[in-house]
């Protein structure tokens, strides 16, 4: 959070929850817009699997041509569980694909793990997301249920 506040935040936040949400959104955007190196690793190198060496989408071509909705949802959930420890109870719902735009629309529901947020309802977070496979860019809009 300190790195986020010092170098990345575009404004100062009075609400710690909103600052946390923006930090999480930034990190998830980086995760889903980055392509991880296509390097085979020995299964013995367990720590490498959760290091920055594996950060990002493993193969954007596989997503665009071979993954079905359930595979994509499971992969997104695994990436988030691996690289975003501030989140738990990750659920991804993938909507029907629009092949013309070469994009995947999905909803991402998570639980914020931060003791500063005492209200359980405020720990719930949902993003409506669109991953453009052609440009490897993602848009994530927070859904407000309150």
Protein backbone atom coordinates (compact mmCIF):
# COMPACT_ATOMS: atom_id res chain seq x y z
CA UNK A 1 0.00 0.00 0.00
CA UNK A 2 2.83 2.40 0.74
CA UNK A 3 4.33 1.86 -2.73
CA UNK A 4 0.87 2.41 -4.24
CA UNK A 5 0.37 5.61 -2.25
CA UNK A 6 3.86 6.99 -2.98
CA UNK A 7 4.26 6.19 -6.65
CA UNK A 8 1.07 5.06 -8.36
CA UNK A 9 -2.02 6.67 -6.84
CA UNK A 10 -3.27 9.51 -8.99
CA UNK A 11 -4.95 11.21 -6.04
CA UNK A 12 -5.15 11.16 -2.25
CA UNK A 13 -7.96 9.08 -0.76
CA UNK A 14 -9.80 9.99 2.44
CA UNK A 15 -11.50 6.59 2.51
CA UNK A 16 -9.06 3.70 3.17
CA UNK A 17 -11.49 1.24 1.54
CA UNK A 18 -11.58 3.23 -1.69
CA UNK A 19 -7.79 3.48 -1.71
CA UNK A 20 -7.55 -0.29 -1.23
CA UNK A 21 -10.04 -0.90 -4.05
CA UNK A 22 -8.07 1.32 -6.43
CA UNK A 23 -4.83 -0.42 -5.46
CA UNK A 24 -6.40 -3.85 -6.05
CA UNK A 25 -7.88 -2.71 -9.38
CA UNK A 26 -4.45 -1.44 -10.47
CA UNK A 27 -2.77 -4.72 -9.51
CA UNK A 28 -5.43 -6.88 -11.20
CA UNK A 29 -5.16 -4.76 -14.34
CA UNK A 30 -1.38 -5.24 -14.41
CA UNK A 31 -1.83 -8.97 -13.82
CA UNK A 32 -4.29 -9.44 -16.68
CA UNK A 33 -2.48 -7.12 -19.12
CA UNK A 34 0.93 -8.74 -18.65
CA UNK A 35 2.07 -11.78 -20.56
CA UNK A 36 4.12 -14.17 -18.45
CA UNK A 37 7.30 -15.63 -19.97
CA UNK A 38 6.75 -18.84 -21.90
CA UNK A 39 9.49 -20.79 -20.18
CA UNK A 40 9.18 -24.36 -19.01
CA UNK A 41 10.13 -24.73 -15.35
CA UNK A 42 11.01 -27.83 -13.46
CA UNK A 43 8.26 -28.87 -11.02
CA UNK A 44 10.98 -28.84 -8.36
CA UNK A 45 11.11 -25.04 -8.58
CA UNK A 46 7.91 -24.57 -6.60
CA UNK A 47 8.64 -20.99 -5.51
CA UNK A 48 9.11 -19.84 -9.11
CA UNK A 49 5.47 -20.68 -9.80
CA UNK A 50 4.32 -17.93 -7.46
CA UNK A 51 7.10 -15.44 -8.19
CA UNK A 52 7.08 -12.42 -10.47
CA UNK A 53 8.69 -14.72 -13.03
CA UNK A 54 5.22 -16.23 -13.59
CA UNK A 55 3.24 -12.98 -13.15
CA UNK A 56 0.66 -12.47 -15.88
CA UNK A 57 -1.28 -14.38 -18.49
CA UNK A 58 0.67 -17.41 -19.59
CA UNK A 59 -0.39 -17.55 -23.23
CA UNK A 60 -2.83 -15.07 -24.72
CA UNK A 61 -3.19 -17.17 -27.90
CA UNK A 62 -4.42 -20.15 -25.87
CA UNK A 63 -7.11 -18.00 -24.26
CA UNK A 64 -8.31 -16.67 -27.58
CA UNK A 65 -8.45 -19.96 -29.44
CA UNK A 66 -8.70 -22.92 -27.09
CA UNK A 67 -10.13 -22.07 -23.66
CA UNK A 68 -13.80 -22.44 -22.92
CA UNK A 69 -15.62 -20.27 -20.37
CA UNK A 70 -15.02 -22.57 -17.39
CA UNK A 71 -11.32 -22.97 -18.15
CA UNK A 72 -10.91 -19.21 -18.44
CA UNK A 73 -12.81 -18.60 -15.18
CA UNK A 74 -10.65 -21.17 -13.34
CA UNK A 75 -7.46 -19.69 -14.77
CA UNK A 76 -8.39 -16.13 -13.72
CA UNK A 77 -9.27 -17.36 -10.23
CA UNK A 78 -5.93 -19.18 -9.96
CA UNK A 79 -3.96 -16.13 -11.12
CA UNK A 80 -5.72 -13.94 -8.56
CA UNK A 81 -5.29 -16.45 -5.72
CA UNK A 82 -1.59 -16.72 -6.57
CA UNK A 83 -0.73 -13.06 -7.09
CA UNK A 84 -3.23 -11.01 -5.04
CA UNK A 85 -3.15 -12.09 -1.38
CA UNK A 86 -5.43 -9.23 -0.33
CA UNK A 87 -8.34 -11.09 -1.97
CA UNK A 88 -10.14 -14.32 -1.16
CA UNK A 89 -13.37 -16.08 -2.14
CA UNK A 90 -12.63 -15.33 -5.79
CA UNK A 91 -15.48 -16.15 -8.17
CA UNK A 92 -15.37 -15.48 -11.91
CA UNK A 93 -18.44 -15.62 -14.13
CA UNK A 94 -17.68 -15.50 -17.85
CA UNK A 95 -20.39 -14.21 -20.18
CA UNK A 96 -20.97 -15.24 -23.80
CA UNK A 97 -18.00 -14.35 -25.97
CA UNK A 98 -18.23 -11.76 -28.69
CA UNK A 99 -15.96 -13.22 -31.38
CA UNK A 100 -16.26 -10.10 -33.54
CA UNK A 101 -14.59 -7.91 -30.92
CA UNK A 102 -12.16 -10.68 -29.81
CA UNK A 103 -12.90 -9.88 -26.17
CA UNK A 104 -14.02 -11.75 -23.08
CA UNK A 105 -16.56 -10.16 -20.75
CA UNK A 106 -16.66 -11.45 -17.19
CA UNK A 107 -17.70 -10.58 -13.66
CA UNK A 108 -15.21 -10.90 -10.84
CA UNK A 109 -16.48 -11.17 -7.24
CA UNK A 110 -13.98 -11.18 -4.38
CA UNK A 111 -13.63 -10.57 -0.66
CA UNK A 112 -11.15 -7.97 0.61
CA UNK A 113 -8.86 -9.27 3.35
CA UNK A 114 -8.09 -6.13 5.31
CA UNK A 115 -8.66 -5.72 9.03
CA UNK A 116 -9.23 -1.96 8.59
CA UNK A 117 -12.58 -2.78 6.95
CA UNK A 118 -14.71 -3.91 9.86
CA UNK A 119 -18.07 -4.08 8.10
CA UNK A 120 -18.32 -7.51 6.43
CA UNK A 121 -20.60 -6.14 3.68
CA UNK A 122 -17.93 -3.60 2.73
CA UNK A 123 -15.41 -6.41 2.20
CA UNK A 124 -17.44 -7.72 -0.74
CA UNK A 125 -16.29 -6.39 -4.08
CA UNK A 126 -17.36 -6.99 -7.66
CA UNK A 127 -15.91 -5.85 -10.98
CA UNK A 128 -17.52 -6.02 -14.41
CA UNK A 129 -14.55 -6.67 -16.67
CA UNK A 130 -13.69 -6.86 -20.35
CA UNK A 131 -10.42 -8.37 -21.58
CA UNK A 132 -9.54 -7.37 -25.14
CA UNK A 133 -7.48 -10.25 -26.49
CA UNK A 134 -6.38 -8.34 -29.59
CA UNK A 135 -4.85 -5.51 -27.55
CA UNK A 136 -4.31 -7.39 -24.27
CA UNK A 137 -6.04 -4.63 -22.33
CA UNK A 138 -8.61 -4.91 -19.60
CA UNK A 139 -11.27 -2.56 -18.29
CA UNK A 140 -12.59 -3.15 -14.78
CA UNK A 141 -15.56 -1.24 -13.40
CA UNK A 142 -16.47 -1.64 -9.75
CA UNK A 143 -20.10 -2.59 -9.18
CA UNK A 144 -21.74 -0.73 -6.31
CA UNK A 145 -24.39 -2.73 -4.48
CA UNK A 146 -25.11 -0.17 -1.81
